[in-house]
């Protein structure tokens, strides 16, 4: 059972930066996609960025390319999301997710459906 714990959320002014972390435990030798999603109350969960853990290939939501960077530190079993030039519309709960690569046939890696492990979320609030 994969266990994910996010940290690093908080409040920041527009234009600022934050780095989210996701500590991973219980992962087997399977290859995973890991991703960051965000959700605003009353709206659907939105895929922000994903990474293929086997080779580090990254994927981003078109609207966020250039401002957000996903990365992994395999030695520390940690996933990161570096966010810069933050805007008030980035305010959301941010979730870390993982799923075995075999679950992704026919799905975008930024779709929530194939991910079967989720963290509890961390709140990011960007003020203008």
Protein backbone atom coordinates (compact mmCIF):
# COMPACT_ATOMS: atom_id res chain seq x y z
CA UNK A 1 0.00 0.00 0.00
CA UNK A 2 1.48 3.31 -1.11
CA UNK A 3 1.20 6.10 1.42
CA UNK A 4 1.53 9.73 0.34
CA UNK A 5 1.91 12.73 2.62
CA UNK A 6 1.99 16.26 1.23
CA UNK A 7 3.58 19.27 2.87
CA UNK A 8 4.71 22.76 1.97
CA UNK A 9 1.41 24.49 1.39
CA UNK A 10 0.67 27.89 2.82
CA UNK A 11 -0.22 31.46 2.04
CA UNK A 12 1.77 33.57 -0.39
CA UNK A 13 1.31 36.83 -2.26
CA UNK A 14 0.80 36.88 -6.00
CA UNK A 15 4.10 36.55 -7.82
CA UNK A 16 5.61 34.48 -5.05
CA UNK A 17 6.81 30.89 -5.00
CA UNK A 18 6.14 27.73 -3.04
CA UNK A 19 7.54 24.22 -3.15
CA UNK A 20 5.25 21.35 -2.29
CA UNK A 21 6.65 18.02 -1.17
CA UNK A 22 5.10 14.57 -1.19
CA UNK A 23 6.72 11.92 0.96
CA UNK A 24 6.21 8.44 -0.50
CA UNK A 25 6.27 5.21 1.48
CA UNK A 26 5.21 1.64 0.83
CA UNK A 27 5.91 1.74 -2.91
CA UNK A 28 6.81 -1.58 -4.46
CA UNK A 29 9.21 -2.14 -7.33
CA UNK A 30 6.39 -1.35 -9.76
CA UNK A 31 6.82 1.63 -12.01
CA UNK A 32 4.46 4.45 -11.30
CA UNK A 33 3.14 7.63 -12.68
CA UNK A 34 3.04 10.26 -9.99
CA UNK A 35 1.26 13.55 -10.25
CA UNK A 36 0.03 16.68 -8.60
CA UNK A 37 -3.62 17.63 -8.79
CA UNK A 38 -5.46 20.60 -7.41
CA UNK A 39 -9.04 21.17 -6.49
CA UNK A 40 -11.16 24.13 -5.59
CA UNK A 41 -14.27 23.45 -3.54
CA UNK A 42 -17.16 22.70 -5.87
CA UNK A 43 -14.97 22.07 -8.90
CA UNK A 44 -13.44 18.97 -10.42
CA UNK A 45 -9.94 17.90 -9.51
CA UNK A 46 -7.48 19.28 -12.08
CA UNK A 47 -4.26 17.61 -13.16
CA UNK A 48 -1.33 20.00 -12.76
CA UNK A 49 1.77 17.95 -13.57
CA UNK A 50 2.84 14.33 -13.76
CA UNK A 51 6.07 12.37 -13.91
CA UNK A 52 6.91 8.87 -15.11
CA UNK A 53 9.09 7.62 -12.29
CA UNK A 54 11.03 5.14 -14.43
CA UNK A 55 12.72 7.76 -16.58
CA UNK A 56 11.64 11.14 -15.23
CA UNK A 57 9.52 12.14 -18.21
CA UNK A 58 7.31 15.04 -17.17
CA UNK A 59 3.91 16.24 -18.29
CA UNK A 60 2.19 19.54 -17.58
CA UNK A 61 -1.20 21.09 -17.97
CA UNK A 62 -0.91 23.45 -20.94
CA UNK A 63 -1.99 26.45 -18.90
CA UNK A 64 0.77 25.94 -16.32
CA UNK A 65 3.84 25.16 -18.40
CA UNK A 66 6.69 27.38 -17.41
CA UNK A 67 5.44 28.29 -13.95
CA UNK A 68 5.28 24.86 -12.28
CA UNK A 69 7.97 22.18 -12.22
CA UNK A 70 7.48 18.60 -11.06
CA UNK A 71 10.48 16.60 -9.94
CA UNK A 72 11.40 13.53 -7.92
CA UNK A 73 14.19 12.63 -5.55
CA UNK A 74 14.31 8.85 -5.61
CA UNK A 75 16.86 8.70 -2.81
CA UNK A 76 14.52 10.62 -0.53
CA UNK A 77 11.33 8.97 -1.86
CA UNK A 78 9.92 12.43 -2.37
CA UNK A 79 7.97 14.14 -5.12
CA UNK A 80 8.11 17.90 -5.50
CA UNK A 81 6.13 20.64 -7.16
CA UNK A 82 7.97 23.93 -7.51
CA UNK A 83 5.47 26.71 -8.14
CA UNK A 84 6.53 30.18 -9.18
CA UNK A 85 4.85 33.37 -10.38
CA UNK A 86 1.82 32.30 -8.39
CA UNK A 87 -1.54 33.83 -9.17
CA UNK A 88 -4.70 34.09 -7.05
CA UNK A 89 -6.32 31.54 -9.37
CA UNK A 90 -3.72 29.00 -8.24
CA UNK A 91 -5.44 28.95 -4.85
CA UNK A 92 -6.59 25.38 -4.23
CA UNK A 93 -5.98 22.21 -2.28
CA UNK A 94 -3.08 20.38 -3.89
CA UNK A 95 -2.95 16.60 -3.88
CA UNK A 96 -0.18 14.14 -4.61
CA UNK A 97 -1.19 10.97 -6.45
CA UNK A 98 0.39 7.74 -7.66
CA UNK A 99 -0.69 4.90 -9.89
CA UNK A 100 0.97 1.83 -11.40
CA UNK A 101 1.80 2.43 -15.06
CA UNK A 102 -0.44 -0.42 -16.19
CA UNK A 103 -3.51 1.56 -15.12
CA UNK A 104 -2.96 4.30 -17.69
CA UNK A 105 -3.89 2.62 -20.95
CA UNK A 106 -6.40 4.90 -22.59
CA UNK A 107 -6.05 7.64 -19.99
CA UNK A 108 -4.20 10.90 -19.92
CA UNK A 109 -1.57 11.03 -17.19
CA UNK A 110 -3.28 14.22 -16.03
CA UNK A 111 -6.60 12.47 -15.57
CA UNK A 112 -7.45 11.60 -11.96
CA UNK A 113 -9.17 8.33 -12.76
CA UNK A 114 -6.17 5.99 -13.16
CA UNK A 115 -4.48 7.13 -9.95
CA UNK A 116 -5.27 4.84 -7.05
CA UNK A 117 -3.16 6.35 -4.29
CA UNK A 118 -3.81 9.84 -2.96
CA UNK A 119 -2.46 12.05 -0.25
CA UNK A 120 -4.60 14.08 2.10
CA UNK A 121 -3.87 17.38 0.36
CA UNK A 122 -2.20 20.64 1.30
CA UNK A 123 -3.77 24.08 0.95
CA UNK A 124 -2.20 26.79 -1.16
CA UNK A 125 -3.62 30.29 -0.88
CA UNK A 126 -2.39 33.09 -3.14
CA UNK A 127 -3.48 36.61 -2.28
CA UNK A 128 -3.51 39.54 -4.66
